[in-house]
Amino acid sequence: MHDNIIRKLFLGFIQIHILHHAKKEPFFGSWMIEELREHGYQMSPGTLYPILHNLEANGLLDKEERLVDKKIRKYYKITEKGVEVLNEARSKAYELFKEIKE
């Protein structure tokens, strides 16, 4: 039960993190797995890609396929709707942080 609650909370943080990086520049999945790992999130492709697909299905990310080393690599970038959601999430996260930082 405890793990499920933590997982749900962290899913929101992970999605904000993904949108943040997608705004900076397009990224591909294995890069994002490493980026999240640096911040303490242990992600497998089987966990990350459904999150990316969900963000894409909700219009927050766009996917572009590029040929890299004779292989198709999928790059994700933020959409205009994604920027709006990210800005709102930042505002809410900042307010929450101010309240709970003590």
N, C-alpha and C. Protein backbone atom coordinates (compact mmCIF):
# COMPACT_ATOMS: atom_id res chain seq x y z
N MET A 1 0.82 -1.20 0.00
CA MET A 1 0.00 0.00 0.00
C MET A 1 0.87 1.26 0.00
N HIS A 2 1.84 1.31 0.90
CA HIS A 2 2.74 2.45 1.01
C HIS A 2 3.46 2.70 -0.31
N ASP A 3 3.96 1.64 -0.95
CA ASP A 3 4.67 1.77 -2.22
C ASP A 3 3.77 2.31 -3.32
N ASN A 4 2.50 1.90 -3.34
CA ASN A 4 1.57 2.39 -4.35
C ASN A 4 1.32 3.89 -4.19
N ILE A 5 1.22 4.35 -2.96
CA ILE A 5 0.99 5.78 -2.71
C ILE A 5 2.21 6.58 -3.16
N ILE A 6 3.38 6.15 -2.77
CA ILE A 6 4.62 6.83 -3.17
C ILE A 6 4.76 6.82 -4.68
N ARG A 7 4.46 5.70 -5.31
CA ARG A 7 4.56 5.59 -6.77
C ARG A 7 3.65 6.60 -7.46
N LYS A 8 2.43 6.74 -6.96
CA LYS A 8 1.49 7.69 -7.55
C LYS A 8 1.98 9.13 -7.38
N LEU A 9 2.51 9.45 -6.21
CA LEU A 9 3.05 10.79 -5.98
C LEU A 9 4.23 11.07 -6.91
N PHE A 10 5.13 10.11 -7.01
CA PHE A 10 6.31 10.29 -7.84
C PHE A 10 5.98 10.36 -9.32
N LEU A 11 4.90 9.72 -9.73
CA LEU A 11 4.50 9.79 -11.14
C LEU A 11 4.26 11.23 -11.57
N GLY A 12 3.65 12.01 -10.72
CA GLY A 12 3.45 13.42 -11.02
C GLY A 12 4.77 14.17 -11.13
N PHE A 13 5.69 13.90 -10.21
CA PHE A 13 7.01 14.53 -10.27
C PHE A 13 7.73 14.15 -11.56
N ILE A 14 7.65 12.89 -11.91
CA ILE A 14 8.32 12.39 -13.12
C ILE A 14 7.74 13.07 -14.35
N GLN A 15 6.43 13.21 -14.41
CA GLN A 15 5.80 13.85 -15.56
C GLN A 15 6.23 15.31 -15.68
N ILE A 16 6.31 16.01 -14.57
CA ILE A 16 6.79 17.39 -14.59
C ILE A 16 8.24 17.43 -15.07
N HIS A 17 9.04 16.51 -14.58
CA HIS A 17 10.45 16.43 -14.98
C HIS A 17 10.56 16.21 -16.49
N ILE A 18 9.75 15.30 -17.02
CA ILE A 18 9.76 15.01 -18.45
C ILE A 18 9.37 16.26 -19.25
N LEU A 19 8.31 16.93 -18.85
CA LEU A 19 7.89 18.13 -19.55
C LEU A 19 8.95 19.22 -19.49
N HIS A 20 9.59 19.35 -18.34
CA HIS A 20 10.67 20.34 -18.19
C HIS A 20 11.77 20.10 -19.23
N HIS A 21 12.22 18.87 -19.35
CA HIS A 21 13.29 18.58 -20.30
C HIS A 21 12.81 18.66 -21.75
N ALA A 22 11.56 18.29 -21.98
CA ALA A 22 11.02 18.38 -23.34
C ALA A 22 10.91 19.83 -23.79
N LYS A 23 10.78 20.74 -22.86
CA LYS A 23 10.75 22.16 -23.20
C LYS A 23 12.15 22.66 -23.55
N LYS A 24 13.17 22.14 -22.87
CA LYS A 24 14.54 22.56 -23.12
C LYS A 24 15.02 22.11 -24.51
N GLU A 25 14.77 20.84 -24.82
CA GLU A 25 15.16 20.30 -26.12
C GLU A 25 14.56 18.90 -26.27
N PRO A 26 14.35 18.46 -27.52
CA PRO A 26 13.83 17.11 -27.72
C PRO A 26 14.78 16.06 -27.11
N PHE A 27 14.20 15.00 -26.59
CA PHE A 27 15.00 13.93 -25.97
C PHE A 27 14.46 12.59 -26.45
N PHE A 28 15.27 11.54 -26.25
CA PHE A 28 14.83 10.18 -26.55
C PHE A 28 14.78 9.40 -25.24
N GLY A 29 14.06 8.29 -25.28
CA GLY A 29 13.72 7.55 -24.07
C GLY A 29 14.88 7.12 -23.20
N SER A 30 15.91 6.52 -23.79
CA SER A 30 17.00 6.02 -22.95
C SER A 30 17.76 7.17 -22.27
N TRP A 31 17.81 8.33 -22.93
CA TRP A 31 18.42 9.50 -22.29
C TRP A 31 17.60 9.90 -21.06
N MET A 32 16.27 9.89 -21.21
CA MET A 32 15.41 10.29 -20.10
C MET A 32 15.52 9.31 -18.95
N ILE A 33 15.65 8.03 -19.24
CA ILE A 33 15.83 7.04 -18.18
C ILE A 33 17.07 7.38 -17.35
N GLU A 34 18.16 7.72 -18.03
CA GLU A 34 19.41 8.08 -17.32
C GLU A 34 19.23 9.38 -16.54
N GLU A 35 18.57 10.36 -17.14
CA GLU A 35 18.32 11.64 -16.47
C GLU A 35 17.52 11.43 -15.19
N LEU A 36 16.46 10.65 -15.29
CA LEU A 36 15.64 10.38 -14.10
C LEU A 36 16.42 9.59 -13.06
N ARG A 37 17.26 8.69 -13.50
CA ARG A 37 18.09 7.90 -12.57
C ARG A 37 19.00 8.82 -11.76
N GLU A 38 19.53 9.87 -12.40
CA GLU A 38 20.40 10.83 -11.70
C GLU A 38 19.65 11.56 -10.59
N HIS A 39 18.33 11.58 -10.68
CA HIS A 39 17.52 12.25 -9.66
C HIS A 39 16.84 11.26 -8.72
N GLY A 40 17.29 10.00 -8.75
CA GLY A 40 16.82 9.02 -7.80
C GLY A 40 15.63 8.18 -8.23
N TYR A 41 15.17 8.34 -9.46
CA TYR A 41 14.06 7.54 -9.96
C TYR A 41 14.60 6.35 -10.74
N GLN A 42 14.23 5.16 -10.33
CA GLN A 42 14.64 3.94 -11.03
C GLN A 42 13.56 3.59 -12.05
N MET A 43 13.85 3.85 -13.31
CA MET A 43 12.87 3.66 -14.37
C MET A 43 13.37 2.61 -15.36
N SER A 44 12.47 1.78 -15.80
CA SER A 44 12.77 0.85 -16.88
C SER A 44 12.05 1.35 -18.12
N PRO A 45 12.43 0.88 -19.30
CA PRO A 45 11.68 1.26 -20.50
C PRO A 45 10.20 0.90 -20.38
N GLY A 46 9.91 -0.21 -19.73
CA GLY A 46 8.53 -0.65 -19.57
C GLY A 46 7.70 0.26 -18.68
N THR A 47 8.37 1.09 -17.90
CA THR A 47 7.70 2.08 -17.07
C THR A 47 7.66 3.44 -17.76
N LEU A 48 8.78 3.83 -18.36
CA LEU A 48 8.86 5.15 -18.97
C LEU A 48 7.99 5.29 -20.21
N TYR A 49 8.06 4.33 -21.12
CA TYR A 49 7.36 4.52 -22.40
C TYR A 49 5.85 4.65 -22.27
N PRO A 50 5.19 3.92 -21.37
CA PRO A 50 3.76 4.19 -21.18
C PRO A 50 3.49 5.62 -20.69
N ILE A 51 4.38 6.16 -19.86
CA ILE A 51 4.23 7.55 -19.41
C ILE A 51 4.36 8.50 -20.60
N LEU A 52 5.38 8.28 -21.43
CA LEU A 52 5.58 9.12 -22.61
C LEU A 52 4.39 9.02 -23.56
N HIS A 53 3.89 7.81 -23.78
CA HIS A 53 2.74 7.62 -24.66
C HIS A 53 1.50 8.31 -24.11
N ASN A 54 1.33 8.27 -22.80
CA ASN A 54 0.19 8.94 -22.16
C ASN A 54 0.30 10.45 -22.32
N LEU A 55 1.50 11.00 -22.10
CA LEU A 55 1.69 12.44 -22.28
C LEU A 55 1.45 12.85 -23.73
N GLU A 56 1.86 11.99 -24.64
CA GLU A 56 1.62 12.25 -26.07
C GLU A 56 0.12 12.17 -26.38
N ALA A 57 -0.56 11.16 -25.88
CA ALA A 57 -1.99 10.98 -26.13
C ALA A 57 -2.81 12.15 -25.57
N ASN A 58 -2.31 12.76 -24.50
CA ASN A 58 -3.00 13.90 -23.90
C ASN A 58 -2.59 15.23 -24.52
N GLY A 59 -1.77 15.18 -25.56
CA GLY A 59 -1.40 16.39 -26.29
C GLY A 59 -0.32 17.23 -25.64
N LEU A 60 0.43 16.64 -24.69
CA LEU A 60 1.47 17.39 -23.99
C LEU A 60 2.84 17.22 -24.63
N LEU A 61 3.03 16.13 -25.35
CA LEU A 61 4.28 15.85 -26.07
C LEU A 61 3.97 15.51 -27.52
N ASP A 62 4.90 15.85 -28.38
CA ASP A 62 4.90 15.39 -29.77
C ASP A 62 6.08 14.45 -29.94
N LYS A 63 5.92 13.46 -30.81
CA LYS A 63 6.98 12.49 -31.07
C LYS A 63 7.44 12.65 -32.51
N GLU A 64 8.76 12.61 -32.70
CA GLU A 64 9.36 12.69 -34.03
C GLU A 64 10.34 11.53 -34.17
N GLU A 65 10.23 10.80 -35.25
CA GLU A 65 11.16 9.70 -35.49
C GLU A 65 12.32 10.21 -36.32
N ARG A 66 13.54 9.88 -35.88
CA ARG A 66 14.77 10.27 -36.58
C ARG A 66 15.62 9.05 -36.81
N LEU A 67 16.32 9.04 -37.92
CA LEU A 67 17.25 7.96 -38.23
C LEU A 67 18.59 8.29 -37.59
N VAL A 68 19.03 7.45 -36.66
CA VAL A 68 20.29 7.64 -35.94
C VAL A 68 21.04 6.33 -35.98
N ASP A 69 22.24 6.34 -36.57
CA ASP A 69 23.04 5.12 -36.68
C ASP A 69 22.25 3.97 -37.29
N LYS A 70 21.52 4.28 -38.35
CA LYS A 70 20.73 3.30 -39.10
C LYS A 70 19.57 2.69 -38.30
N LYS A 71 19.18 3.37 -37.23
CA LYS A 71 18.04 2.92 -36.42
C LYS A 71 17.08 4.10 -36.24
N ILE A 72 15.82 3.80 -36.13
CA ILE A 72 14.82 4.83 -35.85
C ILE A 72 14.83 5.12 -34.35
N ARG A 73 15.02 6.38 -34.01
CA ARG A 73 14.98 6.81 -32.61
C ARG A 73 13.84 7.81 -32.48
N LYS A 74 13.03 7.64 -31.45
CA LYS A 74 11.89 8.52 -31.21
C LYS A 74 12.29 9.64 -30.26
N TYR A 75 12.12 10.87 -30.73
CA TYR A 75 12.41 12.05 -29.92
C TYR A 75 11.09 12.69 -29.50
N TYR A 76 11.07 13.17 -28.27
CA TYR A 76 9.88 13.79 -27.73
C TYR A 76 10.16 15.25 -27.45
N LYS A 77 9.20 16.11 -27.81
CA LYS A 77 9.29 17.54 -27.52
C LYS A 77 7.95 18.01 -26.98
N ILE A 78 7.99 19.10 -26.28
CA ILE A 78 6.78 19.62 -25.64
C ILE A 78 5.89 20.32 -26.67
N THR A 79 4.61 20.29 -26.41
CA THR A 79 3.64 21.02 -27.25
C THR A 79 3.26 22.32 -26.53
N GLU A 80 2.48 23.14 -27.21
CA GLU A 80 2.01 24.37 -26.58
C GLU A 80 1.16 24.05 -25.35
N LYS A 81 0.30 23.04 -25.47
CA LYS A 81 -0.51 22.61 -24.32
C LYS A 81 0.40 22.10 -23.20
N GLY A 82 1.46 21.39 -23.55
CA GLY A 82 2.42 20.90 -22.57
C GLY A 82 3.09 22.03 -21.81
N VAL A 83 3.42 23.12 -22.52
CA VAL A 83 4.03 24.29 -21.88
C VAL A 83 3.05 24.90 -20.87
N GLU A 84 1.78 24.99 -21.26
CA GLU A 84 0.77 25.54 -20.35
C GLU A 84 0.64 24.68 -19.10
N VAL A 85 0.61 23.36 -19.29
CA VAL A 85 0.49 22.45 -18.15
C VAL A 85 1.74 22.53 -17.28
N LEU A 86 2.91 22.59 -17.90
CA LEU A 86 4.16 22.70 -17.15
C LEU A 86 4.18 23.98 -16.32
N ASN A 87 3.78 25.09 -16.91
CA ASN A 87 3.77 26.36 -16.17
C ASN A 87 2.83 26.30 -14.97
N GLU A 88 1.67 25.70 -15.16
CA GLU A 88 0.73 25.57 -14.05
C GLU A 88 1.29 24.63 -12.98
N ALA A 89 1.91 23.53 -13.41
CA ALA A 89 2.49 22.57 -12.46
C ALA A 89 3.61 23.23 -11.67
N ARG A 90 4.43 24.03 -12.32
CA ARG A 90 5.52 24.74 -11.63
C ARG A 90 4.95 25.65 -10.55
N SER A 91 3.91 26.39 -10.91
CA SER A 91 3.29 27.31 -9.96
C SER A 91 2.74 26.56 -8.75
N LYS A 92 2.03 25.47 -9.02
CA LYS A 92 1.44 24.68 -7.93
C LYS A 92 2.54 24.03 -7.08
N ALA A 93 3.59 23.53 -7.73
CA ALA A 93 4.69 22.89 -7.00
C ALA A 93 5.41 23.91 -6.12
N TYR A 94 5.59 25.12 -6.65
CA TYR A 94 6.25 26.16 -5.88
C TYR A 94 5.44 26.51 -4.64
N GLU A 95 4.14 26.67 -4.81
CA GLU A 95 3.26 26.98 -3.68
C GLU A 95 3.31 25.86 -2.64
N LEU A 96 3.27 24.62 -3.11
CA LEU A 96 3.34 23.48 -2.19
C LEU A 96 4.67 23.46 -1.45
N PHE A 97 5.76 23.67 -2.18
CA PHE A 97 7.09 23.67 -1.56
C PHE A 97 7.18 24.73 -0.47
N LYS A 98 6.68 25.92 -0.75
CA LYS A 98 6.72 26.99 0.26
C LYS A 98 5.97 26.57 1.52
N GLU A 99 4.87 25.84 1.33
CA GLU A 99 4.05 25.46 2.47
C GLU A 99 4.68 24.32 3.29
N ILE A 100 5.31 23.37 2.65
CA ILE A 100 5.80 22.18 3.36
C ILE A 100 7.28 22.21 3.69
N LYS A 101 8.02 23.24 3.31
CA LYS A 101 9.47 23.24 3.46
C LYS A 101 9.95 23.21 4.90
N GLU A 102 9.11 23.56 5.85
CA GLU A 102 9.53 23.59 7.25
C GLU A 102 9.66 22.25 7.77
